[in-house]
PDB file of all heavy atoms in Angstrom:
ATOM      1  N   ARG A   1     -30.384  50.990 103.637  1.00  0.00           N
ATOM      2  CA  ARG A   1     -30.444  49.644 103.074  1.00  0.00           C
ATOM      3  C   ARG A   1     -29.134  49.239 102.417  1.00  0.00           C
ATOM      4  O   ARG A   1     -29.112  48.533 101.406  1.00  0.00           O
ATOM      5  CB  ARG A   1     -31.612  49.479 102.099  1.00  0.00           C
ATOM      6  CG  ARG A   1     -32.086  48.030 101.994  1.00  0.00           C
ATOM      7  CD  ARG A   1     -33.352  47.876 101.193  1.00  0.00           C
ATOM      8  NE  ARG A   1     -33.895  46.530 101.357  1.00  0.00           N
ATOM      9  CZ  ARG A   1     -35.047  46.109 100.872  1.00  0.00           C
ATOM     10  NH1 ARG A   1     -35.804  46.935 100.166  1.00  0.00           N
ATOM     11  NH2 ARG A   1     -35.468  44.876 101.068  1.00  0.00           N
ATOM     12  N   HIS A   2     -28.023  49.675 103.023  1.00  0.00           N
ATOM     13  CA  HIS A   2     -26.705  49.261 102.560  1.00  0.00           C
ATOM     14  C   HIS A   2     -26.212  48.076 103.397  1.00  0.00           C
ATOM     15  O   HIS A   2     -27.006  47.372 104.013  1.00  0.00           O
ATOM     16  CB  HIS A   2     -25.731  50.436 102.637  1.00  0.00           C
ATOM     17  CG  HIS A   2     -26.056  51.556 101.695  1.00  0.00           C
ATOM     18  ND1 HIS A   2     -26.556  51.340 100.421  1.00  0.00           N
ATOM     19  CD2 HIS A   2     -25.945  52.911 101.832  1.00  0.00           C
ATOM     20  CE1 HIS A   2     -26.728  52.513  99.822  1.00  0.00           C
ATOM     21  NE2 HIS A   2     -26.378  53.465 100.652  1.00  0.00           N
ATOM     22  N   GLU A   3     -24.903  47.860 103.391  1.00  0.00           N
ATOM     23  CA  GLU A   3     -24.318  46.752 104.135  1.00  0.00           C
ATOM     24  C   GLU A   3     -24.765  46.780 105.596  1.00  0.00           C
ATOM     25  O   GLU A   3     -25.030  47.857 106.155  1.00  0.00           O
ATOM     26  CB  GLU A   3     -22.789  46.821 104.058  1.00  0.00           C
ATOM     27  CG  GLU A   3     -22.195  46.402 102.725  1.00  0.00           C
ATOM     28  CD  GLU A   3     -22.222  47.472 101.648  1.00  0.00           C
ATOM     29  OE1 GLU A   3     -22.794  48.557 101.891  1.00  0.00           O
ATOM     30  OE2 GLU A   3     -21.674  47.232 100.558  1.00  0.00           O
ATOM     31  N   PRO A   4     -24.835  45.622 106.250  1.00  0.00           N
ATOM     32  CA  PRO A   4     -25.330  45.584 107.627  1.00  0.00           C
ATOM     33  C   PRO A   4     -24.454  46.328 108.627  1.00  0.00           C
ATOM     34  O   PRO A   4     -24.928  46.644 109.727  1.00  0.00           O
ATOM     35  CB  PRO A   4     -25.362  44.087 107.964  1.00  0.00           C
ATOM     36  CG  PRO A   4     -25.104  43.361 106.727  1.00  0.00           C
ATOM     37  CD  PRO A   4     -24.621  44.293 105.697  1.00  0.00           C
ATOM     38  N   ASP A   5     -23.198  46.607 108.284  1.00  0.00           N
ATOM     39  CA  ASP A   5     -22.347  47.368 109.208  1.00  0.00           C
ATOM     40  C   ASP A   5     -22.422  48.866 108.936  1.00  0.00           C
ATOM     41  O   ASP A   5     -21.669  49.651 109.516  1.00  0.00           O
ATOM     42  CB  ASP A   5     -20.897  46.883 109.151  1.00  0.00           C
ATOM     43  CG  ASP A   5     -20.281  46.983 107.762  1.00  0.00           C
ATOM     44  OD1 ASP A   5     -21.024  47.187 106.782  1.00  0.00           O
ATOM     45  OD2 ASP A   5     -19.046  46.826 107.659  1.00  0.00           O
ATOM     46  N   VAL A   6     -23.351  49.291 108.079  1.00  0.00           N
ATOM     47  CA  VAL A   6     -23.566  50.708 107.798  1.00  0.00           C
ATOM     48  C   VAL A   6     -24.942  51.085 108.340  1.00  0.00           C
ATOM     49  O   VAL A   6     -25.958  50.544 107.900  1.00  0.00           O
ATOM     50  CB  VAL A   6     -23.498  51.004 106.287  1.00  0.00           C
ATOM     51  CG1 VAL A   6     -23.793  52.476 106.021  1.00  0.00           C
ATOM     52  CG2 VAL A   6     -22.145  50.610 105.718  1.00  0.00           C
ATOM     53  N   GLY A   7     -24.987  51.989 109.315  1.00  0.00           N
ATOM     54  CA  GLY A   7     -26.288  52.417 109.814  1.00  0.00           C
ATOM     55  C   GLY A   7     -26.440  52.210 111.302  1.00  0.00           C
ATOM     56  O   GLY A   7     -25.474  52.030 112.041  1.00  0.00           O
ATOM     57  N   GLU A   8     -27.669  52.184 111.742  1.00  0.00           N
ATOM     58  CA  GLU A   8     -27.981  52.299 113.159  1.00  0.00           C
ATOM     59  C   GLU A   8     -28.101  50.972 113.905  1.00  0.00           C
ATOM     60  O   GLU A   8     -28.286  50.968 115.128  1.00  0.00           O
ATOM     61  CB  GLU A   8     -29.285  53.081 113.329  1.00  0.00           C
ATOM     62  CG  GLU A   8     -30.519  52.362 112.786  1.00  0.00           C
ATOM     63  CD  GLU A   8     -31.724  53.289 112.639  1.00  0.00           C
ATOM     64  OE1 GLU A   8     -31.544  54.431 112.182  1.00  0.00           O
ATOM     65  OE2 GLU A   8     -32.834  52.857 112.977  1.00  0.00           O
ATOM     66  N   LEU A   9     -28.008  49.844 113.210  1.00  0.00           N
ATOM     67  CA  LEU A   9     -28.234  48.554 113.852  1.00  0.00           C
ATOM     68  C   LEU A   9     -26.931  47.866 114.239  1.00  0.00           C
ATOM     69  O   LEU A   9     -25.947  47.920 113.503  1.00  0.00           O
ATOM     70  CB  LEU A   9     -29.038  47.635 112.929  1.00  0.00           C
ATOM     71  CG  LEU A   9     -30.482  48.062 112.668  1.00  0.00           C
ATOM     72  CD1 LEU A   9     -31.171  47.088 111.722  1.00  0.00           C
ATOM     73  CD2 LEU A   9     -31.257  48.164 113.973  1.00  0.00           C
ATOM     74  N   ASN A  10     -26.960  47.179 115.375  1.00  0.00           N
ATOM     75  CA  ASN A  10     -25.824  46.405 115.864  1.00  0.00           C
ATOM     76  C   ASN A  10     -26.046  44.943 115.470  1.00  0.00           C
ATOM     77  O   ASN A  10     -26.496  44.125 116.279  1.00  0.00           O
ATOM     78  CB  ASN A  10     -25.696  46.565 117.379  1.00  0.00           C
ATOM     79  CG  ASN A  10     -24.506  45.817 117.942  1.00  0.00           C
ATOM     80  OD1 ASN A  10     -23.762  45.161 117.223  1.00  0.00           O
ATOM     81  ND2 ASN A  10     -24.321  45.899 119.249  1.00  0.00           N
ATOM     82  N   TYR A  11     -25.733  44.620 114.217  1.00  0.00           N
ATOM     83  CA  TYR A  11     -26.015  43.280 113.736  1.00  0.00           C
ATOM     84  C   TYR A  11     -25.198  42.185 114.428  1.00  0.00           C
ATOM     85  O   TYR A  11     -25.730  41.089 114.657  1.00  0.00           O
ATOM     86  CB  TYR A  11     -25.852  43.205 112.222  1.00  0.00           C
ATOM     87  CG  TYR A  11     -27.125  43.542 111.480  1.00  0.00           C
ATOM     88  CD1 TYR A  11     -27.234  44.690 110.705  1.00  0.00           C
ATOM     89  CD2 TYR A  11     -28.244  42.705 111.562  1.00  0.00           C
ATOM     90  CE1 TYR A  11     -28.407  44.998 110.028  1.00  0.00           C
ATOM     91  CE2 TYR A  11     -29.418  43.004 110.891  1.00  0.00           C
ATOM     92  CZ  TYR A  11     -29.496  44.150 110.126  1.00  0.00           C
ATOM     93  OH  TYR A  11     -30.661  44.446 109.464  1.00  0.00           O
ATOM     94  N   PRO A  12     -23.923  42.408 114.757  1.00  0.00           N
ATOM     95  CA  PRO A  12     -23.227  41.337 115.496  1.00  0.00           C
ATOM     96  C   PRO A  12     -23.968  40.894 116.750  1.00  0.00           C
ATOM     97  O   PRO A  12     -24.035  39.697 117.055  1.00  0.00           O
ATOM     98  CB  PRO A  12     -21.869  41.966 115.811  1.00  0.00           C
ATOM     99  CG  PRO A  12     -21.644  42.927 114.695  1.00  0.00           C
ATOM    100  CD  PRO A  12     -23.004  43.504 114.390  1.00  0.00           C
ATOM    101  N   TYR A  13     -24.540  41.849 117.471  1.00  0.00           N
ATOM    102  CA  TYR A  13     -25.336  41.500 118.653  1.00  0.00           C
ATOM    103  C   TYR A  13     -26.547  40.646 118.263  1.00  0.00           C
ATOM    104  O   TYR A  13     -26.867  39.642 118.928  1.00  0.00           O
ATOM    105  CB  TYR A  13     -25.794  42.777 119.360  1.00  0.00           C
ATOM    106  CG  TYR A  13     -26.778  42.540 120.483  1.00  0.00           C
ATOM    107  CD1 TYR A  13     -26.345  42.140 121.742  1.00  0.00           C
ATOM    108  CD2 TYR A  13     -28.143  42.701 120.276  1.00  0.00           C
ATOM    109  CE1 TYR A  13     -27.249  41.910 122.772  1.00  0.00           C
ATOM    110  CE2 TYR A  13     -29.057  42.479 121.292  1.00  0.00           C
ATOM    111  CZ  TYR A  13     -28.604  42.078 122.546  1.00  0.00           C
ATOM    112  OH  TYR A  13     -29.501  41.844 123.547  1.00  0.00           O
ATOM    113  N   LEU A  14     -27.235  41.036 117.184  1.00  0.00           N
ATOM    114  CA  LEU A  14     -28.419  40.299 116.762  1.00  0.00           C
ATOM    115  C   LEU A  14     -28.059  38.912 116.240  1.00  0.00           C
ATOM    116  O   LEU A  14     -28.790  37.934 116.488  1.00  0.00           O
ATOM    117  CB  LEU A  14     -29.178  41.094 115.699  1.00  0.00           C
ATOM    118  CG  LEU A  14     -29.737  42.442 116.174  1.00  0.00           C
ATOM    119  CD1 LEU A  14     -30.369  43.202 115.005  1.00  0.00           C
ATOM    120  CD2 LEU A  14     -30.764  42.256 117.292  1.00  0.00           C
ATOM    121  N   PHE A  15     -26.929  38.796 115.532  1.00  0.00           N
ATOM    122  CA  PHE A  15     -26.495  37.473 115.075  1.00  0.00           C
ATOM    123  C   PHE A  15     -26.200  36.557 116.264  1.00  0.00           C
ATOM    124  O   PHE A  15     -26.559  35.371 116.257  1.00  0.00           O
ATOM    125  CB  PHE A  15     -25.254  37.590 114.196  1.00  0.00           C
ATOM    126  CG  PHE A  15     -25.461  38.358 112.911  1.00  0.00           C
ATOM    127  CD1 PHE A  15     -24.391  38.983 112.282  1.00  0.00           C
ATOM    128  CD2 PHE A  15     -26.715  38.466 112.328  1.00  0.00           C
ATOM    129  CE1 PHE A  15     -24.560  39.687 111.100  1.00  0.00           C
ATOM    130  CE2 PHE A  15     -26.897  39.174 111.144  1.00  0.00           C
ATOM    131  CZ  PHE A  15     -25.818  39.787 110.537  1.00  0.00           C
ATOM    132  N   GLN A  16     -25.543  37.099 117.267  1.00  0.00           N
ATOM    133  CA  GLN A  16     -25.246  36.306 118.462  1.00  0.00           C
ATOM    134  C   GLN A  16     -26.536  35.902 119.174  1.00  0.00           C
ATOM    135  O   GLN A  16     -26.651  34.786 119.703  1.00  0.00           O
ATOM    136  CB  GLN A  16     -24.332  37.084 119.390  1.00  0.00           C
ATOM    137  CG  GLN A  16     -22.921  37.249 118.848  1.00  0.00           C
ATOM    138  CD  GLN A  16     -22.071  38.224 119.647  1.00  0.00           C
ATOM    139  OE1 GLN A  16     -22.560  38.860 120.578  1.00  0.00           O
ATOM    140  NE2 GLN A  16     -20.816  38.353 119.258  1.00  0.00           N
ATOM    141  N   LEU A  17     -27.536  36.793 119.170  1.00  0.00           N
ATOM    142  CA  LEU A  17     -28.817  36.469 119.771  1.00  0.00           C
ATOM    143  C   LEU A  17     -29.487  35.318 119.028  1.00  0.00           C
ATOM    144  O   LEU A  17     -30.032  34.385 119.654  1.00  0.00           O
ATOM    145  CB  LEU A  17     -29.728  37.700 119.761  1.00  0.00           C
ATOM    146  CG  LEU A  17     -31.159  37.490 120.258  1.00  0.00           C
ATOM    147  CD1 LEU A  17     -31.177  37.019 121.707  1.00  0.00           C
ATOM    148  CD2 LEU A  17     -31.971  38.776 120.100  1.00  0.00           C
ATOM    149  N   LEU A  18     -29.457  35.345 117.714  1.00  0.00           N
ATOM    150  CA  LEU A  18     -30.035  34.257 116.931  1.00  0.00           C
ATOM    151  C   LEU A  18     -29.344  32.932 117.250  1.00  0.00           C
ATOM    152  O   LEU A  18     -29.997  31.884 117.367  1.00  0.00           O
ATOM    153  CB  LEU A  18     -29.937  34.565 115.436  1.00  0.00           C
ATOM    154  CG  LEU A  18     -30.817  35.704 114.919  1.00  0.00           C
ATOM    155  CD1 LEU A  18     -30.521  35.995 113.459  1.00  0.00           C
ATOM    156  CD2 LEU A  18     -32.292  35.379 115.099  1.00  0.00           C
ATOM    157  N   ASP A  19     -28.018  32.979 117.401  1.00  0.00           N
ATOM    158  CA  ASP A  19     -27.286  31.780 117.800  1.00  0.00           C
ATOM    159  C   ASP A  19     -27.735  31.285 119.168  1.00  0.00           C
ATOM    160  O   ASP A  19     -27.977  30.097 119.376  1.00  0.00           O
ATOM    161  CB  ASP A  19     -25.784  32.073 117.834  1.00  0.00           C
ATOM    162  CG  ASP A  19     -25.067  31.631 116.568  1.00  0.00           C
ATOM    163  OD1 ASP A  19     -25.738  31.098 115.666  1.00  0.00           O
ATOM    164  OD2 ASP A  19     -23.849  31.827 116.483  1.00  0.00           O
ATOM    165  N   THR A  20     -27.853  32.206 120.091  1.00  0.00           N
ATOM    166  CA  THR A  20     -28.250  31.841 121.458  1.00  0.00           C
ATOM    167  C   THR A  20     -29.629  31.189 121.483  1.00  0.00           C
ATOM    168  O   THR A  20     -29.872  30.247 122.248  1.00  0.00           O
ATOM    169  CB  THR A  20     -28.249  33.089 122.359  1.00  0.00           C
ATOM    170  OG1 THR A  20     -26.940  33.645 122.398  1.00  0.00           O
ATOM    171  CG2 THR A  20     -28.690  32.745 123.777  1.00  0.00           C
ATOM    172  N   LEU A  21     -30.515  31.664 120.621  1.00  0.00           N
ATOM    173  CA  LEU A  21     -31.872  31.128 120.564  1.00  0.00           C
ATOM    174  C   LEU A  21     -31.987  29.871 119.706  1.00  0.00           C
ATOM    175  O   LEU A  21     -33.075  29.303 119.571  1.00  0.00           O
ATOM    176  CB  LEU A  21     -32.838  32.200 120.050  1.00  0.00           C
ATOM    177  CG  LEU A  21     -33.015  33.427 120.968  1.00  0.00           C
ATOM    178  CD1 LEU A  21     -33.876  34.478 120.297  1.00  0.00           C
ATOM    179  CD2 LEU A  21     -33.627  33.015 122.307  1.00  0.00           C
ATOM    180  N   GLY A  22     -30.868  29.453 119.107  1.00  0.00           N
ATOM    181  CA  GLY A  22     -30.847  28.201 118.370  1.00  0.00           C
ATOM    182  C   GLY A  22     -31.333  28.274 116.942  1.00  0.00           C
ATOM    183  O   GLY A  22     -31.662  27.242 116.342  1.00  0.00           O
ATOM    184  N   TYR A  23     -31.343  29.480 116.348  1.00  0.00           N
ATOM    185  CA  TYR A  23     -31.772  29.585 114.959  1.00  0.00           C
ATOM    186  C   TYR A  23     -30.707  28.976 114.052  1.00  0.00           C
ATOM    187  O   TYR A  23     -29.535  29.368 114.086  1.00  0.00           O
ATOM    188  CB  TYR A  23     -31.991  31.054 114.576  1.00  0.00           C
ATOM    189  CG  TYR A  23     -32.401  31.233 113.132  1.00  0.00           C
ATOM    190  CD1 TYR A  23     -33.655  30.826 112.695  1.00  0.00           C
ATOM    191  CD2 TYR A  23     -31.537  31.805 112.202  1.00  0.00           C
ATOM    192  CE1 TYR A  23     -34.047  30.983 111.372  1.00  0.00           C
ATOM    193  CE2 TYR A  23     -31.917  31.978 110.882  1.00  0.00           C
ATOM    194  CZ  TYR A  23     -33.171  31.561 110.470  1.00  0.00           C
ATOM    195  OH  TYR A  23     -33.547  31.712 109.151  1.00  0.00           O
ATOM    196  N   ASP A  24     -31.109  28.004 113.234  1.00  0.00           N
ATOM    197  CA  ASP A  24     -30.153  27.347 112.341  1.00  0.00           C
ATOM    198  C   ASP A  24     -30.542  27.497 110.879  1.00  0.00           C
ATOM    199  O   ASP A  24     -30.048  26.775 110.010  1.00  0.00           O
ATOM    200  CB  ASP A  24     -30.016  25.868 112.698  1.00  0.00           C
ATOM    201  CG  ASP A  24     -31.333  25.096 112.568  1.00  0.00           C
ATOM    202  OD1 ASP A  24     -32.369  25.732 112.254  1.00  0.00           O
ATOM    203  OD2 ASP A  24     -31.324  23.866 112.771  1.00  0.00           O
ATOM    204  N   GLY A  25     -31.457  28.428 110.588  1.00  0.00           N
ATOM    205  CA  GLY A  25     -31.863  28.676 109.208  1.00  0.00           C
ATOM    206  C   GLY A  25     -30.936  29.660 108.521  1.00  0.00           C
ATOM    207  O   GLY A  25     -29.839  29.963 108.998  1.00  0.00           O
ATOM    208  N   TRP A  26     -31.404  30.174 107.404  1.00  0.00           N
ATOM    209  CA  TRP A  26     -30.605  31.093 106.597  1.00  0.00           C
ATOM    210  C   TRP A  26     -30.967  32.543 106.897  1.00  0.00           C
ATOM    211  O   TRP A  26     -32.085  32.854 107.304  1.00  0.00           O
ATOM    212  CB  TRP A  26     -30.813  30.807 105.115  1.00  0.00           C
ATOM    213  CG  TRP A  26     -30.264  29.483 104.709  1.00  0.00           C
ATOM    214  CD1 TRP A  26     -30.951  28.298 104.601  1.00  0.00           C
ATOM    215  CD2 TRP A  26     -28.907  29.186 104.385  1.00  0.00           C
ATOM    216  NE1 TRP A  26     -30.101  27.300 104.228  1.00  0.00           N
ATOM    217  CE2 TRP A  26     -28.839  27.800 104.083  1.00  0.00           C
ATOM    218  CE3 TRP A  26     -27.736  29.948 104.311  1.00  0.00           C
ATOM    219  CZ2 TRP A  26     -27.657  27.169 103.713  1.00  0.00           C
ATOM    220  CZ3 TRP A  26     -26.554  29.327 103.945  1.00  0.00           C
ATOM    221  CH2 TRP A  26     -26.513  27.952 103.647  1.00  0.00           C
ATOM    222  N   ILE A  27     -30.003  33.422 106.664  1.00  0.00           N
ATOM    223  CA  ILE A  27     -30.190  34.868 106.771  1.00  0.00           C
ATOM    224  C   ILE A  27     -29.897  35.460 105.397  1.00  0.00           C
ATOM    225  O   ILE A  27     -28.763  35.386 104.910  1.00  0.00           O
ATOM    226  CB  ILE A  27     -29.259  35.484 107.829  1.00  0.00           C
ATOM    227  CG1 ILE A  27     -29.532  34.873 109.215  1.00  0.00           C
ATOM    228  CG2 ILE A  27     -29.424  37.005 107.866  1.00  0.00           C
ATOM    229  CD1 ILE A  27     -28.543  35.312 110.285  1.00  0.00           C
ATOM    230  N   GLY A  28     -30.910  36.009 104.766  1.00  0.00           N
ATOM    231  CA  GLY A  28     -30.732  36.567 103.433  1.00  0.00           C
ATOM    232  C   GLY A  28     -30.139  37.962 103.475  1.00  0.00           C
ATOM    233  O   GLY A  28     -30.601  38.819 104.227  1.00  0.00           O
ATOM    234  N   CYS A  29     -29.121  38.182 102.672  1.00  0.00           N
ATOM    235  CA  CYS A  29     -28.441  39.480 102.613  1.00  0.00           C
ATOM    236  C   CYS A  29     -29.090  40.299 101.504  1.00  0.00           C
ATOM    237  O   CYS A  29     -28.620  40.352 100.357  1.00  0.00           O
ATOM    238  CB  CYS A  29     -26.951  39.282 102.352  1.00  0.00           C
ATOM    239  SG  CYS A  29     -26.144  38.264 103.611  1.00  0.00           S
ATOM    240  N   GLU A  30     -30.187  40.953 101.848  1.00  0.00           N
ATOM    241  CA  GLU A  30     -30.987  41.686 100.876  1.00  0.00           C
ATOM    242  C   GLU A  30     -30.724  43.180 101.038  1.00  0.00           C
ATOM    243  O   GLU A  30     -31.561  43.930 101.528  1.00  0.00           O
ATOM    244  CB  GLU A  30     -32.475  41.365 101.059  1.00  0.00           C
ATOM    245  CG  GLU A  30     -33.326  41.866  99.884  1.00  0.00           C
ATOM    246  CD  GLU A  30     -34.810  41.611 100.082  1.00  0.00           C
ATOM    247  OE1 GLU A  30     -35.309  41.824 101.201  1.00  0.00           O
ATOM    248  OE2 GLU A  30     -35.475  41.213  99.116  1.00  0.00           O
ATOM    249  N   TYR A  31     -29.542  43.593 100.628  1.00  0.00           N
ATOM    250  CA  TYR A  31     -29.178  44.995 100.761  1.00  0.00           C
ATOM    251  C   TYR A  31     -28.528  45.497  99.481  1.00  0.00           C
ATOM    252  O   TYR A  31     -28.100  44.715  98.620  1.00  0.00           O
ATOM    253  CB  TYR A  31     -28.239  45.200 101.956  1.00  0.00           C
ATOM    254  CG  TYR A  31     -26.895  44.506 101.862  1.00  0.00           C
ATOM    255  CD1 TYR A  31     -25.830  45.065 101.155  1.00  0.00           C
ATOM    256  CD2 TYR A  31     -26.665  43.293 102.510  1.00  0.00           C
ATOM    257  CE1 TYR A  31     -24.588  44.448 101.078  1.00  0.00           C
ATOM    258  CE2 TYR A  31     -25.431  42.663 102.451  1.00  0.00           C
ATOM    259  CZ  TYR A  31     -24.397  43.244 101.731  1.00  0.00           C
ATOM    260  OH  TYR A  31     -23.172  42.617 101.658  1.00  0.00           O
ATOM    261  N   LYS A  32     -28.457  46.831  99.362  1.00  0.00           N
ATOM    262  CA  LYS A  32     -27.862  47.478  98.199  1.00  0.00           C
ATOM    263  C   LYS A  32     -26.448  47.905  98.558  1.00  0.00           C
ATOM    264  O   LYS A  32     -26.263  48.693  99.494  1.00  0.00           O
ATOM    265  CB  LYS A  32     -28.694  48.703  97.796  1.00  0.00           C
ATOM    266  CG  LYS A  32     -30.133  48.394  97.430  1.00  0.00           C
ATOM    267  CD  LYS A  32     -30.909  49.652  97.098  1.00  0.00           C
ATOM    268  CE  LYS A  32     -31.137  50.512  98.336  1.00  0.00           C
ATOM    269  NZ  LYS A  32     -32.016  51.678  98.060  1.00  0.00           N
ATOM    270  N   PRO A  33     -25.444  47.408  97.871  1.00  0.00           N
ATOM    271  CA  PRO A  33     -24.078  47.833  98.181  1.00  0.00           C
ATOM    272  C   PRO A  33     -23.955  49.355  98.178  1.00  0.00           C
ATOM    273  O   PRO A  33     -24.518  50.040  97.313  1.00  0.00           O
ATOM    274  CB  PRO A  33     -23.246  47.202  97.055  1.00  0.00           C
ATOM    275  CG  PRO A  33     -24.051  46.008  96.633  1.00  0.00           C
ATOM    276  CD  PRO A  33     -25.480  46.426  96.775  1.00  0.00           C
ATOM    277  N   ALA A  34     -23.229  49.878  99.143  1.00  0.00           N
ATOM    278  CA  ALA A  34     -23.101  51.328  99.275  1.00  0.00           C
ATOM    279  C   ALA A  34     -22.463  51.954  98.037  1.00  0.00           C
ATOM    280  O   ALA A  34     -22.745  53.113  97.721  1.00  0.00           O
ATOM    281  CB  ALA A  34     -22.288  51.670 100.521  1.00  0.00           C
TER     282      ALA A  34
END
């Protein structure tokens, strides 16, 4: 539960997917700094 670039998830890919699907809402950064 640290920064999104720490760990097993490829967030840039998921962000691009949200863009492709037309999501225009907010993304909350609910993580604990490392």
